[in-house]
Amino acid sequence: MIKRMLPLLIGLSVCGAALAQNMPATAPPGTITTHSSTTVTTTSWPVQPPQDGSTEDAVKTAIANAGYKEVKGLKFKDGVWRSKARGGNKQWVELAVGPVNGKVYPADAPSKLNKDEISAKLATAGYQNVKDVKFDDGLWAAEAKTSHGDTVDLLVDPDDGSVVAKSRD
């Protein structure tokens, strides 16, 4: 008797699971329905500085040479070295340091170049479809496509428009 009941129980459990799922609602005739979707883009910044990049000690030296003391929280994040340091006025300042050039970018420093000039510099450097250009934490950030069609996020020097760091989406 158990052998005869087993297929019936399996069939009922499968049917029960199928019926328990939510069916999409149907609209009454004559109504218009719209569907929307959200695309989430994840940026992939390197977790390690480039092999030809500055070491942690070199970054600390560059920060000290720029007139800052008491460096704390130094870590490689979002394609650049980031930390806080105390300046000559005893105020703590957030800093970014280029991974290859070793240049120190204070978060509160103004940019010498404007948004249009940054876009033009990136186009001259071979980037296409430059968009979302904004100045944030001492560096310009932008999204663009390489000559190979790869989408990249860029961090750009506010003084000369050179690319400081690049990541892939």
C-alpha atoms as a PDB file:
ATOM      1  CA  MET A   1       0.000   0.000   0.000  1.00  0.00           C
ATOM      2  CA  ILE A   2       2.869   2.420   0.751  1.00  0.00           C
ATOM      3  CA  LYS A   3       4.309   1.816  -2.738  1.00  0.00           C
ATOM      4  CA  ARG A   4       0.958   2.839  -4.290  1.00  0.00           C
ATOM      5  CA  MET A   5       0.623   5.967  -2.142  1.00  0.00           C
ATOM      6  CA  LEU A   6       4.183   7.250  -2.714  1.00  0.00           C
ATOM      7  CA  PRO A   7       3.649   8.461  -6.340  1.00  0.00           C
ATOM      8  CA  LEU A   8       0.404  10.137  -5.273  1.00  0.00           C
ATOM      9  CA  LEU A   9       2.103  11.980  -2.394  1.00  0.00           C
ATOM     10  CA  ILE A  10       4.977  13.105  -4.619  1.00  0.00           C
ATOM     11  CA  GLY A  11       2.536  14.373  -7.254  1.00  0.00           C
ATOM     12  CA  LEU A  12       0.501  16.293  -4.684  1.00  0.00           C
ATOM     13  CA  SER A  13       3.576  17.919  -3.148  1.00  0.00           C
ATOM     14  CA  VAL A  14       4.834  19.085  -6.576  1.00  0.00           C
ATOM     15  CA  CYS A  15       1.414  20.473  -7.480  1.00  0.00           C
ATOM     16  CA  GLY A  16       1.118  22.198  -4.125  1.00  0.00           C
ATOM     17  CA  ALA A  17       4.479  23.924  -4.580  1.00  0.00           C
ATOM     18  CA  ALA A  18       3.548  25.053  -8.087  1.00  0.00           C
ATOM     19  CA  LEU A  19       0.204  26.494  -6.958  1.00  0.00           C
ATOM     20  CA  ALA A  20       1.795  28.263  -3.985  1.00  0.00           C
ATOM     21  CA  GLN A  21       3.791  30.573  -6.279  1.00  0.00           C
ATOM     22  CA  ASN A  22       2.418  34.056  -6.920  1.00  0.00           C
ATOM     23  CA  MET A  23       0.919  34.510 -10.339  1.00  0.00           C
ATOM     24  CA  PRO A  24       1.367  37.919 -11.993  1.00  0.00           C
ATOM     25  CA  ALA A  25      -1.668  40.141 -11.761  1.00  0.00           C
ATOM     26  CA  THR A  26      -3.567  40.661 -14.980  1.00  0.00           C
ATOM     27  CA  ALA A  27      -4.940  44.047 -15.897  1.00  0.00           C
ATOM     28  CA  PRO A  28      -8.550  44.474 -16.962  1.00  0.00           C
ATOM     29  CA  PRO A  29      -9.050  44.831 -20.728  1.00  0.00           C
ATOM     30  CA  GLY A  30      -8.463  48.349 -22.049  1.00  0.00           C
ATOM     31  CA  THR A  31      -5.858  49.345 -19.435  1.00  0.00           C
ATOM     32  CA  ILE A  32      -2.231  50.091 -20.120  1.00  0.00           C
ATOM     33  CA  THR A  33       0.390  48.416 -18.006  1.00  0.00           C
ATOM     34  CA  THR A  34       3.989  49.517 -17.682  1.00  0.00           C
ATOM     35  CA  HIS A  35       6.962  47.605 -16.415  1.00  0.00           C
ATOM     36  CA  SER A  36      10.194  49.102 -15.168  1.00  0.00           C
ATOM     37  CA  SER A  37      13.524  47.615 -14.316  1.00  0.00           C
ATOM     38  CA  THR A  38      16.579  48.871 -12.516  1.00  0.00           C
ATOM     39  CA  THR A  39      20.086  48.176 -13.688  1.00  0.00           C
ATOM     40  CA  VAL A  40      22.764  48.090 -11.026  1.00  0.00           C
ATOM     41  CA  THR A  41      26.332  48.656 -12.143  1.00  0.00           C
ATOM     42  CA  THR A  42      29.104  47.403  -9.922  1.00  0.00           C
ATOM     43  CA  THR A  43      32.440  49.105 -10.261  1.00  0.00           C
ATOM     44  CA  SER A  44      35.519  46.969  -9.922  1.00  0.00           C
ATOM     45  CA  TRP A  45      38.379  49.038  -8.550  1.00  0.00           C
ATOM     46  CA  PRO A  46      41.641  47.198  -7.976  1.00  0.00           C
ATOM     47  CA  VAL A  47      42.132  46.149  -4.349  1.00  0.00           C
ATOM     48  CA  GLN A  48      45.919  46.395  -4.578  1.00  0.00           C
ATOM     49  CA  PRO A  49      47.989  49.292  -5.898  1.00  0.00           C
ATOM     50  CA  PRO A  50      49.541  48.720  -9.322  1.00  0.00           C
ATOM     51  CA  GLN A  51      52.878  46.910  -9.400  1.00  0.00           C
ATOM     52  CA  ASP A  52      54.598  50.034 -10.694  1.00  0.00           C
ATOM     53  CA  GLY A  53      52.747  52.124  -8.080  1.00  0.00           C
ATOM     54  CA  SER A  54      53.818  53.771  -4.865  1.00  0.00           C
ATOM     55  CA  THR A  55      54.381  51.711  -1.732  1.00  0.00           C
ATOM     56  CA  GLU A  56      52.745  52.600   1.567  1.00  0.00           C
ATOM     57  CA  ASP A  57      56.020  54.089   2.826  1.00  0.00           C
ATOM     58  CA  ALA A  58      56.401  56.177  -0.346  1.00  0.00           C
ATOM     59  CA  VAL A  59      52.835  57.470   0.078  1.00  0.00           C
ATOM     60  CA  LYS A  60      53.524  58.457   3.707  1.00  0.00           C
ATOM     61  CA  THR A  61      56.655  60.297   2.532  1.00  0.00           C
ATOM     62  CA  ALA A  62      54.670  62.099  -0.203  1.00  0.00           C
ATOM     63  CA  ILE A  63      52.059  63.172   2.361  1.00  0.00           C
ATOM     64  CA  ALA A  64      54.777  64.450   4.719  1.00  0.00           C
ATOM     65  CA  ASN A  65      56.487  66.290   1.831  1.00  0.00           C
ATOM     66  CA  ALA A  66      53.149  67.991   1.064  1.00  0.00           C
ATOM     67  CA  GLY A  67      53.195  69.455   4.594  1.00  0.00           C
ATOM     68  CA  TYR A  68      50.896  67.060   6.419  1.00  0.00           C
ATOM     69  CA  LYS A  69      51.555  65.265   9.697  1.00  0.00           C
ATOM     70  CA  GLU A  70      49.928  62.528  11.762  1.00  0.00           C
ATOM     71  CA  VAL A  71      48.698  60.343   8.911  1.00  0.00           C
ATOM     72  CA  LYS A  72      45.960  57.954   9.965  1.00  0.00           C
ATOM     73  CA  GLY A  73      43.760  55.402   8.235  1.00  0.00           C
ATOM     74  CA  LEU A  74      45.993  55.023   5.185  1.00  0.00           C
ATOM     75  CA  LYS A  75      44.585  52.371   2.853  1.00  0.00           C
ATOM     76  CA  PHE A  76      44.305  51.662  -0.848  1.00  0.00           C
ATOM     77  CA  LYS A  77      40.657  52.168  -1.803  1.00  0.00           C
ATOM     78  CA  ASP A  78      38.790  52.992  -5.021  1.00  0.00           C
ATOM     79  CA  GLY A  79      41.955  53.038  -7.113  1.00  0.00           C
ATOM     80  CA  VAL A  80      43.926  55.515  -4.979  1.00  0.00           C
ATOM     81  CA  TRP A  81      45.546  55.706  -1.558  1.00  0.00           C
ATOM     82  CA  ARG A  82      43.203  57.397   0.948  1.00  0.00           C
ATOM     83  CA  SER A  83      43.864  58.710   4.434  1.00  0.00           C
ATOM     84  CA  LYS A  84      43.358  61.552   6.851  1.00  0.00           C
ATOM     85  CA  ALA A  85      46.204  63.779   7.889  1.00  0.00           C
ATOM     86  CA  ARG A  86      46.697  66.835  10.043  1.00  0.00           C
ATOM     87  CA  GLY A  87      47.866  69.918   8.199  1.00  0.00           C
ATOM     88  CA  GLY A  88      49.845  72.929   9.429  1.00  0.00           C
ATOM     89  CA  ASN A  89      46.638  74.509  10.731  1.00  0.00           C
ATOM     90  CA  LYS A  90      46.074  71.472  13.028  1.00  0.00           C
ATOM     91  CA  GLN A  91      42.901  70.539  11.095  1.00  0.00           C
ATOM     92  CA  TRP A  92      42.313  66.994   9.847  1.00  0.00           C
ATOM     93  CA  VAL A  93      41.997  66.759   6.072  1.00  0.00           C
ATOM     94  CA  GLU A  94      40.934  63.826   3.905  1.00  0.00           C
ATOM     95  CA  LEU A  95      43.521  63.045   1.251  1.00  0.00           C
ATOM     96  CA  ALA A  96      43.790  60.948  -1.873  1.00  0.00           C
ATOM     97  CA  VAL A  97      47.208  60.026  -3.259  1.00  0.00           C
ATOM     98  CA  GLY A  98      47.768  58.914  -6.837  1.00  0.00           C
ATOM     99  CA  PRO A  99      48.862  55.267  -6.921  1.00  0.00           C
ATOM    100  CA  VAL A 100      51.540  55.827  -9.575  1.00  0.00           C
ATOM    101  CA  ASN A 101      52.351  59.546  -9.565  1.00  0.00           C
ATOM    102  CA  GLY A 102      52.341  59.857  -5.749  1.00  0.00           C
ATOM    103  CA  LYS A 103      50.652  63.263  -5.978  1.00  0.00           C
ATOM    104  CA  VAL A 104      48.629  64.320  -2.921  1.00  0.00           C
ATOM    105  CA  TYR A 105      45.062  65.528  -3.546  1.00  0.00           C
ATOM    106  CA  PRO A 106      43.383  67.246  -0.552  1.00  0.00           C
ATOM    107  CA  ALA A 107      39.604  66.708  -0.569  1.00  0.00           C
ATOM    108  CA  ASP A 108      38.935  70.387   0.093  1.00  0.00           C
ATOM    109  CA  ALA A 109      41.254  71.821  -2.613  1.00  0.00           C
ATOM    110  CA  PRO A 110      39.634  73.545  -5.621  1.00  0.00           C
ATOM    111  CA  SER A 111      40.109  72.335  -9.177  1.00  0.00           C
ATOM    112  CA  LYS A 112      42.062  74.356 -11.729  1.00  0.00           C
ATOM    113  CA  LEU A 113      40.027  72.766 -14.543  1.00  0.00           C
ATOM    114  CA  ASN A 114      36.269  72.812 -15.052  1.00  0.00           C
ATOM    115  CA  LYS A 115      33.956  69.986 -16.112  1.00  0.00           C
ATOM    116  CA  ASP A 116      34.150  70.778 -19.839  1.00  0.00           C
ATOM    117  CA  GLU A 117      37.951  70.964 -19.756  1.00  0.00           C
ATOM    118  CA  ILE A 118      38.123  67.554 -18.026  1.00  0.00           C
ATOM    119  CA  SER A 119      35.808  66.048 -20.658  1.00  0.00           C
ATOM    120  CA  ALA A 120      37.963  67.522 -23.434  1.00  0.00           C
ATOM    121  CA  LYS A 121      41.197  66.201 -21.854  1.00  0.00           C
ATOM    122  CA  LEU A 122      39.707  62.710 -21.594  1.00  0.00           C
ATOM    123  CA  ALA A 123      38.514  62.817 -25.213  1.00  0.00           C
ATOM    124  CA  THR A 124      42.008  63.916 -26.280  1.00  0.00           C
ATOM    125  CA  ALA A 125      43.426  60.957 -24.346  1.00  0.00           C
ATOM    126  CA  GLY A 126      41.253  58.608 -26.456  1.00  0.00           C
ATOM    127  CA  TYR A 127      38.247  58.073 -24.182  1.00  0.00           C
ATOM    128  CA  GLN A 128      34.776  58.117 -25.762  1.00  0.00           C
ATOM    129  CA  ASN A 129      31.259  58.764 -24.434  1.00  0.00           C
ATOM    130  CA  VAL A 130      32.580  60.642 -21.404  1.00  0.00           C
ATOM    131  CA  LYS A 131      29.740  61.179 -18.924  1.00  0.00           C
ATOM    132  CA  ASP A 132      28.906  61.640 -15.244  1.00  0.00           C
ATOM    133  CA  VAL A 133      31.834  64.037 -14.791  1.00  0.00           C
ATOM    134  CA  LYS A 134      31.881  65.435 -11.251  1.00  0.00           C
ATOM    135  CA  PHE A 135      34.403  66.871  -8.824  1.00  0.00           C
ATOM    136  CA  ASP A 136      34.475  64.958  -5.551  1.00  0.00           C
ATOM    137  CA  ASP A 137      37.027  64.608  -2.730  1.00  0.00           C
ATOM    138  CA  GLY A 138      39.791  66.454  -4.560  1.00  0.00           C
ATOM    139  CA  LEU A 139      39.599  64.458  -7.820  1.00  0.00           C
ATOM    140  CA  TRP A 140      37.392  64.518 -10.875  1.00  0.00           C
ATOM    141  CA  ALA A 141      35.412  61.306 -11.446  1.00  0.00           C
ATOM    142  CA  ALA A 142      34.009  60.276 -14.832  1.00  0.00           C
ATOM    143  CA  GLU A 143      32.675  57.291 -16.710  1.00  0.00           C
ATOM    144  CA  ALA A 144      33.847  56.644 -20.271  1.00  0.00           C
ATOM    145  CA  LYS A 145      34.535  54.002 -22.884  1.00  0.00           C
ATOM    146  CA  THR A 146      38.010  53.004 -23.984  1.00  0.00           C
ATOM    147  CA  SER A 147      38.969  52.727 -27.653  1.00  0.00           C
ATOM    148  CA  HIS A 148      38.206  48.992 -27.309  1.00  0.00           C
ATOM    149  CA  GLY A 149      34.648  49.723 -26.119  1.00  0.00           C
ATOM    150  CA  ASP A 150      35.216  48.797 -22.462  1.00  0.00           C
ATOM    151  CA  THR A 151      33.356  50.932 -19.926  1.00  0.00           C
ATOM    152  CA  VAL A 152      35.678  52.354 -17.264  1.00  0.00           C
ATOM    153  CA  ASP A 153      35.417  54.663 -14.288  1.00  0.00           C
ATOM    154  CA  LEU A 154      38.178  57.243 -14.111  1.00  0.00           C
ATOM    155  CA  LEU A 155      39.702  59.441 -11.437  1.00  0.00           C
ATOM    156  CA  VAL A 156      41.253  62.525 -13.002  1.00  0.00           C
ATOM    157  CA  ASP A 157      43.850  65.051 -11.797  1.00  0.00           C
ATOM    158  CA  PRO A 158      42.143  68.434 -11.164  1.00  0.00           C
ATOM    159  CA  ASP A 159      45.255  70.371 -12.247  1.00  0.00           C
ATOM    160  CA  ASP A 160      46.243  68.827 -15.594  1.00  0.00           C
ATOM    161  CA  GLY A 161      43.396  66.426 -16.538  1.00  0.00           C
ATOM    162  CA  SER A 162      45.569  63.304 -16.530  1.00  0.00           C
ATOM    163  CA  VAL A 163      44.060  59.975 -15.489  1.00  0.00           C
ATOM    164  CA  VAL A 164      45.106  59.092 -11.934  1.00  0.00           C
ATOM    165  CA  ALA A 165      43.235  55.769 -11.652  1.00  0.00           C
ATOM    166  CA  LYS A 166      41.021  53.605 -13.870  1.00  0.00           C
ATOM    167  CA  SER A 167      38.625  50.749 -13.136  1.00  0.00           C
ATOM    168  CA  ARG A 168      36.348  48.466 -15.103  1.00  0.00           C
ATOM    169  CA  ASP A 169      32.593  48.229 -14.634  1.00  0.00           C
END
